[in-house]
Amino acid sequence: MRYQPIDNKLFIENRKDLIKGLRPNSIVIIHANDIYPTNGDGVMPFKQNSELFYLTGIDQEETILVLAPGFPDPKMRELLFLRETNELIAIWEGHKLTKEEGTKTSGIKNIKWTQEFEQILHTLLAECDHIYLPSNEHIRSSSKVETSNDRFIKWCMDRYPLFNYERLSPLLYKQRMIKSDIEVELLEHACHITEIGFRRVLEVVEPGVWEYEVEAEYAHTFISNRSKGFAYTPIIAGGGNSCVLHYIENNQQLRDGDLLLMDVGAEYANYNADMTRTIPVNGKFTKRQKQVYEAVLRVKNMATELLTPGNSIPRYHKEIGEIMTGELIDLGLIDKTDVKNQDKNNPAYRKYFMHGTSHHLGLDVHDVGSVYREFAPGMVFTVEPGIYIPQENIGIRIEDNILITKEGTKNLMRNIPIHADEIEDLMNRK
């Protein structure tokens, strides 16, 4: 892997915490993600299953984790199955993990090859009553692609129909919402790499530069700093494109007087940063652009203050809607009559701010977790309000990544320039 080795204490502790929530006589089985095809013999870059990585740190395909904490033989309570390599695989694909490396990475002592899995599973199930299997239960999931875990669920339920099958995802989702100190360090490092990229971009953006050239600067910086690259498809949106929430074409030339909205983040060790900054292409905000920019920044700062233990996403978003309403009135975009006559299910502010302000962040950019669970120390959220005014060619979004602590909040992007004057100053040092 490109990233530095992670202390396997993270994965050992994650497994211990998961086991506490299992029923007696249970077994947990998780498969690595597939390598997905494109066309012909092409394949997509490998992306590990988040649950498997969270519990093992293994970043390799054809991996299986099995936990059977109540099994009579202690040596069989944690098993990791790896793909056995050979000379042909080594020549064509490169190095694959040895058993010793699997133990060093995961902290699991009993390592087997994947061809032994079915026979060992049969032995383990003789002492189990409950089988915990993972599925994608993310509230935003709409994928129709069958995964390796999906296939195994079908196979296992057909082969062993009389066991009690349990959903693993609710247990892991609840656990993953609270980040450990090691996870926070990894997220901070992803944010640091993102900062390096943003500072580099401030040096090169000017009228005439193309959106894809800006994207290339980020990609070069991220990969040069041990990242796989972008945590998600980057949005590099100049001018009117800044008003398109999920604009990803990144193929237009930047023009004098326009704004450039950049929603980008670096990945590091499978953990993700998620930053948005909006800058003036020519290095100087117009009076109106700065007026809107400062309004968005105020909403972001007030939203951050609302990320307190005990609050929740529904209450939080309602409070932010009220704050944004006041800013839009001050900007002359809506008036008190609009607010008085608004549909409570479609408030007036949503004409100019039509998306949510925050989501969980971690191993997944839109990380797992319940919308209704109260905020607690250890949770990491994005904070990303925006105002979009197509008729004025102004789209401004500002986003930071925030850790909730017992003492308050910690901005993981605190070193990334955010104030309009600072951005202008850095852009005009060329």
Foldseek 3Di string as FASTA:
>chain_A
DLFDAFQLVQQVVLVVQLVVPDDAQEKEKEFWWDFAADPDRHTDDGDTDPVVCRNFVDRDHGKMWMAGPNDPDNLLRTEIAFADDDPVCCVPPNDGDDLVNSCRRNVRNHYHHNVCPVVVVVVSNVRGQEYEAEDPPFPPDDDPDQIPSNVVVVVCCVVPVRGHYDYSVVSVLVVVQFADPSQLVQQLVQLVLVLVLVLVLLQPFAFFAFQVVSQVSQQVSQVVSSFPGWLDQKDWAKFLRLQVPPDRPRGGTHHQQIKIWIFTTTHHSLFIFTWIAIAGRHLDHDPLLQLQLVLQVVLLVVLQQVLAFPAFQVVSQVVSVVSLVVSCCVSVNDHPVQQVPADPVCGPSCVFWVDGFKAWGGSHRRGGDDRGDTRDARTKMKGKTWGHDSVVSDTGIGIWIWGQHPVGIDTSNVPRDHRRVVSSVSSPPD
